[in-house]
């Protein structure tokens, strides 16, 4: 299980959003940090096949990002995922499952499984408009997990959540990282410090840091602030 990002770049007019980034990701949790405008979301959207790189390539276990098999191995939770407020949680998941090509029997089974996984089974028949922010985020993760993805990409998943929901969400992500590749982008450094196996830091479109992080390294927040305040490495 390996995601290979090889010298990927993306430019908008005169602004280079992602500048020749190369990465090899294997099973585990990768925490992606960076200021607004650092290029995190652009990189993640290219990994998910939503944006096409201007140069470079992205592949998963030998499959190019443009291939159908690549997309079937992918789960994606964008920062603001779309949902229908009048749908129940279950209806929404069944709808998303149909978009992913699951048959009705498969959709029913997988929807029940992911609802259990994110602890929404008791509210599955309530309308999404009645859900708390944390419940909506867990529903977002549930839809990303419908196809049993080997690669899970999540963008700012804990923004706006209360402390209890953040801890619950981190626990869920930690479990998922034991059997898949999880790329988690956030500006909340403590989320990364608690669960990431490897820390990635972006600045001005470049990857300026990539390494494992342990408590012996000290405060990740201090380290991060020091690095983004320095000139490009």
C-alpha atoms as a PDB file:
ATOM      1  CA  UNK A   1       0.000   0.000   0.000  1.00  0.00           C
ATOM      2  CA  UNK A   2       1.764   3.141  -1.231  1.00  0.00           C
ATOM      3  CA  UNK A   3       0.767   6.597  -2.460  1.00  0.00           C
ATOM      4  CA  UNK A   4       3.470   8.174  -4.618  1.00  0.00           C
ATOM      5  CA  UNK A   5       3.455  11.911  -5.326  1.00  0.00           C
ATOM      6  CA  UNK A   6       6.233  12.664  -7.790  1.00  0.00           C
ATOM      7  CA  UNK A   7       7.332  16.274  -8.383  1.00  0.00           C
ATOM      8  CA  UNK A   8       3.781  17.611  -8.459  1.00  0.00           C
ATOM      9  CA  UNK A   9       3.177  21.305  -9.192  1.00  0.00           C
ATOM     10  CA  UNK A  10       0.111  23.516  -9.648  1.00  0.00           C
ATOM     11  CA  UNK A  11       0.008  27.171 -10.641  1.00  0.00           C
ATOM     12  CA  UNK A  12      -2.860  29.671 -10.760  1.00  0.00           C
ATOM     13  CA  UNK A  13      -1.928  32.561 -13.078  1.00  0.00           C
ATOM     14  CA  UNK A  14       1.181  34.026 -11.421  1.00  0.00           C
ATOM     15  CA  UNK A  15       0.750  32.146  -8.121  1.00  0.00           C
ATOM     16  CA  UNK A  16       2.474  28.797  -7.563  1.00  0.00           C
ATOM     17  CA  UNK A  17       0.161  26.929  -5.185  1.00  0.00           C
ATOM     18  CA  UNK A  18       2.136  23.661  -5.089  1.00  0.00           C
ATOM     19  CA  UNK A  19       5.808  23.640  -6.030  1.00  0.00           C
ATOM     20  CA  UNK A  20       7.417  20.322  -7.072  1.00  0.00           C
ATOM     21  CA  UNK A  21       6.287  18.254  -4.101  1.00  0.00           C
ATOM     22  CA  UNK A  22       7.367  14.611  -3.843  1.00  0.00           C
ATOM     23  CA  UNK A  23       6.115  12.183  -1.194  1.00  0.00           C
ATOM     24  CA  UNK A  24       5.800   8.459  -0.571  1.00  0.00           C
ATOM     25  CA  UNK A  25       3.043   7.590   1.897  1.00  0.00           C
ATOM     26  CA  UNK A  26       2.450   4.147   3.356  1.00  0.00           C
ATOM     27  CA  UNK A  27      -0.055   2.862   5.903  1.00  0.00           C
ATOM     28  CA  UNK A  28      -0.475   5.272   8.819  1.00  0.00           C
ATOM     29  CA  UNK A  29      -1.577   8.824   9.625  1.00  0.00           C
ATOM     30  CA  UNK A  30       0.097  11.820   8.006  1.00  0.00           C
ATOM     31  CA  UNK A  31      -0.636  15.204   9.536  1.00  0.00           C
ATOM     32  CA  UNK A  32      -0.379  18.086   7.069  1.00  0.00           C
ATOM     33  CA  UNK A  33       0.205  21.527   8.597  1.00  0.00           C
ATOM     34  CA  UNK A  34       0.511  24.931   6.996  1.00  0.00           C
ATOM     35  CA  UNK A  35      -0.881  28.439   7.051  1.00  0.00           C
ATOM     36  CA  UNK A  36      -3.838  29.476   4.916  1.00  0.00           C
ATOM     37  CA  UNK A  37      -2.558  29.705   1.350  1.00  0.00           C
ATOM     38  CA  UNK A  38       0.302  27.268   1.929  1.00  0.00           C
ATOM     39  CA  UNK A  39      -1.094  24.915  -0.723  1.00  0.00           C
ATOM     40  CA  UNK A  40      -2.532  22.162   1.477  1.00  0.00           C
ATOM     41  CA  UNK A  41      -6.014  22.062  -0.037  1.00  0.00           C
ATOM     42  CA  UNK A  42      -4.683  22.301  -3.602  1.00  0.00           C
ATOM     43  CA  UNK A  43      -2.377  19.341  -2.942  1.00  0.00           C
ATOM     44  CA  UNK A  44      -5.199  17.297  -1.435  1.00  0.00           C
ATOM     45  CA  UNK A  45      -7.550  18.106  -4.310  1.00  0.00           C
ATOM     46  CA  UNK A  46      -4.908  16.885  -6.759  1.00  0.00           C
ATOM     47  CA  UNK A  47      -4.467  13.682  -4.748  1.00  0.00           C
ATOM     48  CA  UNK A  48      -8.230  13.178  -5.000  1.00  0.00           C
ATOM     49  CA  UNK A  49      -8.292  13.786  -8.752  1.00  0.00           C
ATOM     50  CA  UNK A  50     -10.392  16.959  -8.480  1.00  0.00           C
ATOM     51  CA  UNK A  51      -7.571  19.116  -9.826  1.00  0.00           C
ATOM     52  CA  UNK A  52      -5.069  18.076 -12.465  1.00  0.00           C
ATOM     53  CA  UNK A  53      -1.394  18.824 -11.746  1.00  0.00           C
ATOM     54  CA  UNK A  54       0.411  21.087 -14.182  1.00  0.00           C
ATOM     55  CA  UNK A  55       3.372  18.718 -13.910  1.00  0.00           C
ATOM     56  CA  UNK A  56       4.338  15.581 -12.036  1.00  0.00           C
ATOM     57  CA  UNK A  57       2.316  12.453 -11.282  1.00  0.00           C
ATOM     58  CA  UNK A  58       0.250  10.855  -8.513  1.00  0.00           C
ATOM     59  CA  UNK A  59      -0.334   7.111  -8.190  1.00  0.00           C
ATOM     60  CA  UNK A  60      -1.573   4.598  -5.636  1.00  0.00           C
ATOM     61  CA  UNK A  61      -0.222   1.054  -5.816  1.00  0.00           C
ATOM     62  CA  UNK A  62       0.702   1.660  -9.451  1.00  0.00           C
ATOM     63  CA  UNK A  63      -2.679   3.163 -10.409  1.00  0.00           C
ATOM     64  CA  UNK A  64      -2.670   6.695 -11.817  1.00  0.00           C
ATOM     65  CA  UNK A  65      -4.940   9.249 -10.156  1.00  0.00           C
ATOM     66  CA  UNK A  66      -7.055   9.387 -13.337  1.00  0.00           C
ATOM     67  CA  UNK A  67      -7.931   5.661 -13.243  1.00  0.00           C
ATOM     68  CA  UNK A  68     -11.264   4.345 -12.000  1.00  0.00           C
ATOM     69  CA  UNK A  69      -9.543   1.815  -9.723  1.00  0.00           C
ATOM     70  CA  UNK A  70      -7.656   4.663  -8.032  1.00  0.00           C
ATOM     71  CA  UNK A  71     -10.897   6.499  -7.283  1.00  0.00           C
ATOM     72  CA  UNK A  72     -12.482   3.349  -5.893  1.00  0.00           C
ATOM     73  CA  UNK A  73      -9.612   3.093  -3.385  1.00  0.00           C
ATOM     74  CA  UNK A  74     -10.117   6.710  -2.260  1.00  0.00           C
ATOM     75  CA  UNK A  75     -12.233   8.296   0.468  1.00  0.00           C
ATOM     76  CA  UNK A  76     -12.419  12.091   0.699  1.00  0.00           C
ATOM     77  CA  UNK A  77     -13.824  14.487   3.285  1.00  0.00           C
ATOM     78  CA  UNK A  78     -13.460  18.091   2.087  1.00  0.00           C
ATOM     79  CA  UNK A  79     -13.489  20.991   4.508  1.00  0.00           C
ATOM     80  CA  UNK A  80     -17.088  21.824   3.581  1.00  0.00           C
ATOM     81  CA  UNK A  81     -18.742  18.665   2.327  1.00  0.00           C
ATOM     82  CA  UNK A  82     -22.144  19.038   0.731  1.00  0.00           C
ATOM     83  CA  UNK A  83     -25.211  17.408   2.248  1.00  0.00           C
ATOM     84  CA  UNK A  84     -28.978  17.711   1.981  1.00  0.00           C
ATOM     85  CA  UNK A  85     -30.431  18.990   5.282  1.00  0.00           C
ATOM     86  CA  UNK A  86     -33.822  17.354   4.715  1.00  0.00           C
ATOM     87  CA  UNK A  87     -32.208  13.939   4.205  1.00  0.00           C
ATOM     88  CA  UNK A  88     -31.811  11.618   7.143  1.00  0.00           C
ATOM     89  CA  UNK A  89     -28.290  10.441   7.855  1.00  0.00           C
ATOM     90  CA  UNK A  90     -29.162   7.019   6.448  1.00  0.00           C
ATOM     91  CA  UNK A  91     -30.769   8.434   3.300  1.00  0.00           C
ATOM     92  CA  UNK A  92     -27.700  10.562   2.658  1.00  0.00           C
ATOM     93  CA  UNK A  93     -25.368   7.579   2.951  1.00  0.00           C
ATOM     94  CA  UNK A  94     -27.543   5.445   0.686  1.00  0.00           C
ATOM     95  CA  UNK A  95     -27.537   8.260  -1.871  1.00  0.00           C
ATOM     96  CA  UNK A  96     -23.751   8.635  -1.686  1.00  0.00           C
ATOM     97  CA  UNK A  97     -23.339   4.862  -1.955  1.00  0.00           C
ATOM     98  CA  UNK A  98     -25.348   4.862  -5.183  1.00  0.00           C
ATOM     99  CA  UNK A  99     -23.055   7.573  -6.590  1.00  0.00           C
ATOM    100  CA  UNK A 100     -20.093   5.358  -5.751  1.00  0.00           C
ATOM    101  CA  UNK A 101     -21.607   2.504  -7.722  1.00  0.00           C
ATOM    102  CA  UNK A 102     -22.701   0.244  -4.863  1.00  0.00           C
ATOM    103  CA  UNK A 103     -25.766  -1.931  -5.442  1.00  0.00           C
ATOM    104  CA  UNK A 104     -28.773  -1.437  -3.146  1.00  0.00           C
ATOM    105  CA  UNK A 105     -27.924  -4.504  -1.016  1.00  0.00           C
ATOM    106  CA  UNK A 106     -24.278  -3.414  -0.798  1.00  0.00           C
ATOM    107  CA  UNK A 107     -25.302   0.144   0.064  1.00  0.00           C
ATOM    108  CA  UNK A 108     -27.566  -0.986   2.904  1.00  0.00           C
ATOM    109  CA  UNK A 109     -24.856  -3.171   4.408  1.00  0.00           C
ATOM    110  CA  UNK A 110     -22.086  -0.567   4.097  1.00  0.00           C
ATOM    111  CA  UNK A 111     -24.286   2.273   5.383  1.00  0.00           C
ATOM    112  CA  UNK A 112     -25.112   0.266   8.508  1.00  0.00           C
ATOM    113  CA  UNK A 113     -21.429  -0.564   9.008  1.00  0.00           C
ATOM    114  CA  UNK A 114     -20.145   3.011   8.744  1.00  0.00           C
ATOM    115  CA  UNK A 115     -22.967   4.413  10.889  1.00  0.00           C
ATOM    116  CA  UNK A 116     -21.924   1.982  13.610  1.00  0.00           C
ATOM    117  CA  UNK A 117     -18.280   2.924  13.137  1.00  0.00           C
ATOM    118  CA  UNK A 118     -18.927   6.647  13.646  1.00  0.00           C
ATOM    119  CA  UNK A 119     -21.509   6.069  16.430  1.00  0.00           C
ATOM    120  CA  UNK A 120     -24.463   7.505  14.507  1.00  0.00           C
ATOM    121  CA  UNK A 121     -26.560   4.348  14.363  1.00  0.00           C
ATOM    122  CA  UNK A 122     -29.070   5.706  16.906  1.00  0.00           C
ATOM    123  CA  UNK A 123     -29.653   8.923  14.948  1.00  0.00           C
ATOM    124  CA  UNK A 124     -29.540   7.441  11.440  1.00  0.00           C
ATOM    125  CA  UNK A 125     -33.199   8.222  10.767  1.00  0.00           C
ATOM    126  CA  UNK A 126     -33.064  11.812  12.011  1.00  0.00           C
ATOM    127  CA  UNK A 127     -32.725  14.671   9.525  1.00  0.00           C
ATOM    128  CA  UNK A 128     -29.237  16.019   9.023  1.00  0.00           C
ATOM    129  CA  UNK A 129     -30.435  19.554   9.822  1.00  0.00           C
ATOM    130  CA  UNK A 130     -30.920  18.406  13.425  1.00  0.00           C
ATOM    131  CA  UNK A 131     -27.322  17.132  13.726  1.00  0.00           C
ATOM    132  CA  UNK A 132     -24.665  18.947  15.739  1.00  0.00           C
ATOM    133  CA  UNK A 133     -21.449  20.060  14.041  1.00  0.00           C
ATOM    134  CA  UNK A 134     -19.656  17.014  15.380  1.00  0.00           C
ATOM    135  CA  UNK A 135     -22.365  14.668  14.149  1.00  0.00           C
ATOM    136  CA  UNK A 136     -22.184  16.203  10.667  1.00  0.00           C
ATOM    137  CA  UNK A 137     -18.413  15.728  10.631  1.00  0.00           C
ATOM    138  CA  UNK A 138     -18.829  12.092  11.651  1.00  0.00           C
ATOM    139  CA  UNK A 139     -21.411  11.689   8.888  1.00  0.00           C
ATOM    140  CA  UNK A 140     -18.849  13.165   6.507  1.00  0.00           C
ATOM    141  CA  UNK A 141     -16.316  10.561   7.559  1.00  0.00           C
ATOM    142  CA  UNK A 142     -18.988   7.871   7.184  1.00  0.00           C
ATOM    143  CA  UNK A 143     -19.615   8.825   3.546  1.00  0.00           C
ATOM    144  CA  UNK A 144     -15.869   8.854   2.886  1.00  0.00           C
ATOM    145  CA  UNK A 145     -15.633   5.306   4.248  1.00  0.00           C
ATOM    146  CA  UNK A 146     -18.477   3.831   2.188  1.00  0.00           C
ATOM    147  CA  UNK A 147     -16.211   2.167  -0.352  1.00  0.00           C
ATOM    148  CA  UNK A 148     -13.811   0.785   2.289  1.00  0.00           C
ATOM    149  CA  UNK A 149     -11.042   3.081   0.995  1.00  0.00           C
ATOM    150  CA  UNK A 150      -7.380   2.262   1.401  1.00  0.00           C
ATOM    151  CA  UNK A 151      -6.567   5.972   1.057  1.00  0.00           C
ATOM    152  CA  UNK A 152      -8.482   8.498   3.172  1.00  0.00           C
ATOM    153  CA  UNK A 153      -8.006  12.252   2.687  1.00  0.00           C
ATOM    154  CA  UNK A 154      -9.595  14.634   5.212  1.00  0.00           C
ATOM    155  CA  UNK A 155      -9.382  18.434   5.129  1.00  0.00           C
ATOM    156  CA  UNK A 156      -9.832  20.442   8.373  1.00  0.00           C
ATOM    157  CA  UNK A 157     -12.067  17.784   9.977  1.00  0.00           C
ATOM    158  CA  UNK A 158     -12.178  19.219  13.520  1.00  0.00           C
ATOM    159  CA  UNK A 159     -12.686  22.911  12.731  1.00  0.00           C
ATOM    160  CA  UNK A 160     -15.536  24.254  14.862  1.00  0.00           C
ATOM    161  CA  UNK A 161     -15.917  21.135  17.003  1.00  0.00           C
ATOM    162  CA  UNK A 162     -16.096  21.266  20.774  1.00  0.00           C
ATOM    163  CA  UNK A 163     -13.261  19.581  22.762  1.00  0.00           C
ATOM    164  CA  UNK A 164     -15.261  16.399  23.429  1.00  0.00           C
ATOM    165  CA  UNK A 165     -16.107  15.932  19.752  1.00  0.00           C
ATOM    166  CA  UNK A 166     -12.499  16.636  18.755  1.00  0.00           C
ATOM    167  CA  UNK A 167     -11.228  13.873  21.039  1.00  0.00           C
ATOM    168  CA  UNK A 168     -13.833  11.481  19.687  1.00  0.00           C
ATOM    169  CA  UNK A 169     -12.917  12.365  16.108  1.00  0.00           C
ATOM    170  CA  UNK A 170      -9.196  11.890  16.754  1.00  0.00           C
ATOM    171  CA  UNK A 171      -9.893   8.449  18.196  1.00  0.00           C
ATOM    172  CA  UNK A 172     -11.815   7.476  15.057  1.00  0.00           C
ATOM    173  CA  UNK A 173      -9.025   8.685  12.768  1.00  0.00           C
ATOM    174  CA  UNK A 174      -6.415   6.874  14.860  1.00  0.00           C
ATOM    175  CA  UNK A 175      -8.266   3.579  14.353  1.00  0.00           C
ATOM    176  CA  UNK A 176      -8.558   4.142  10.609  1.00  0.00           C
ATOM    177  CA  UNK A 177      -4.818   4.793  10.348  1.00  0.00           C
ATOM    178  CA  UNK A 178      -4.060   1.255  11.505  1.00  0.00           C
ATOM    179  CA  UNK A 179      -5.295  -0.238   8.221  1.00  0.00           C
ATOM    180  CA  UNK A 180      -5.127   2.529   5.630  1.00  0.00           C
ATOM    181  CA  UNK A 181      -3.258   5.660   4.543  1.00  0.00           C
ATOM    182  CA  UNK A 182      -4.797   8.722   6.172  1.00  0.00           C
ATOM    183  CA  UNK A 183      -3.792  12.233   5.105  1.00  0.00           C
ATOM    184  CA  UNK A 184      -5.177  14.765   7.569  1.00  0.00           C
ATOM    185  CA  UNK A 185      -4.887  18.498   6.907  1.00  0.00           C
ATOM    186  CA  UNK A 186      -5.573  20.943   9.728  1.00  0.00           C
ATOM    187  CA  UNK A 187      -4.451  24.186  11.327  1.00  0.00           C
ATOM    188  CA  UNK A 188      -5.079  22.719  14.813  1.00  0.00           C
ATOM    189  CA  UNK A 189      -1.600  21.569  15.759  1.00  0.00           C
ATOM    190  CA  UNK A 190      -2.729  19.567  18.794  1.00  0.00           C
ATOM    191  CA  UNK A 191      -4.812  17.259  16.576  1.00  0.00           C
ATOM    192  CA  UNK A 192      -1.691  16.355  14.605  1.00  0.00           C
ATOM    193  CA  UNK A 193       0.448  16.034  17.711  1.00  0.00           C
ATOM    194  CA  UNK A 194      -1.943  13.526  19.257  1.00  0.00           C
ATOM    195  CA  UNK A 195      -2.507  11.129  16.364  1.00  0.00           C
ATOM    196  CA  UNK A 196      -0.110  11.627  13.428  1.00  0.00           C
ATOM    197  CA  UNK A 197       2.622   9.077  12.767  1.00  0.00           C
ATOM    198  CA  UNK A 198       4.350  11.532  10.429  1.00  0.00           C
ATOM    199  CA  UNK A 199       4.228  15.330  10.336  1.00  0.00           C
ATOM    200  CA  UNK A 200       4.284  17.229   7.031  1.00  0.00           C
ATOM    201  CA  UNK A 201       4.645  21.014   6.939  1.00  0.00           C
ATOM    202  CA  UNK A 202       3.940  23.143   3.868  1.00  0.00           C
ATOM    203  CA  UNK A 203       4.925  26.761   3.322  1.00  0.00           C
ATOM    204  CA  UNK A 204       4.333  28.829   0.170  1.00  0.00           C
ATOM    205  CA  UNK A 205       3.614  25.715  -1.890  1.00  0.00           C
ATOM    206  CA  UNK A 206       6.703  23.818  -0.774  1.00  0.00           C
ATOM    207  CA  UNK A 207       7.085  20.869   1.567  1.00  0.00           C
ATOM    208  CA  UNK A 208       9.545  22.157   4.171  1.00  0.00           C
ATOM    209  CA  UNK A 209       9.371  19.345   6.744  1.00  0.00           C
ATOM    210  CA  UNK A 210       8.617  15.611   6.710  1.00  0.00           C
ATOM    211  CA  UNK A 211       9.390  13.303   9.620  1.00  0.00           C
ATOM    212  CA  UNK A 212       7.942  11.178  12.379  1.00  0.00           C
ATOM    213  CA  UNK A 213       6.973  13.012  15.554  1.00  0.00           C
ATOM    214  CA  UNK A 214       7.276  11.784  19.134  1.00  0.00           C
ATOM    215  CA  UNK A 215       6.841  13.434  22.524  1.00  0.00           C
ATOM    216  CA  UNK A 216      10.612  13.436  22.931  1.00  0.00           C
ATOM    217  CA  UNK A 217      10.740  16.046  20.158  1.00  0.00           C
ATOM    218  CA  UNK A 218       9.051  18.535  22.474  1.00  0.00           C
ATOM    219  CA  UNK A 219       6.192  20.843  21.526  1.00  0.00           C
ATOM    220  CA  UNK A 220       4.999  20.424  17.948  1.00  0.00           C
ATOM    221  CA  UNK A 221       3.289  23.812  18.067  1.00  0.00           C
ATOM    222  CA  UNK A 222       6.536  25.611  18.963  1.00  0.00           C
ATOM    223  CA  UNK A 223       8.398  23.652  16.288  1.00  0.00           C
ATOM    224  CA  UNK A 224       5.741  24.445  13.698  1.00  0.00           C
ATOM    225  CA  UNK A 225       5.628  28.156  14.493  1.00  0.00           C
ATOM    226  CA  UNK A 226       9.403  28.331  14.341  1.00  0.00           C
ATOM    227  CA  UNK A 227       9.498  26.658  10.921  1.00  0.00           C
ATOM    228  CA  UNK A 228       6.762  28.690   9.235  1.00  0.00           C
ATOM    229  CA  UNK A 229       8.431  31.842  10.522  1.00  0.00           C
ATOM    230  CA  UNK A 230      11.739  30.955   8.951  1.00  0.00           C
ATOM    231  CA  UNK A 231      12.840  31.380   5.368  1.00  0.00           C
ATOM    232  CA  UNK A 232      12.122  28.429   3.090  1.00  0.00           C
ATOM    233  CA  UNK A 233      14.335  25.491   3.959  1.00  0.00           C
END
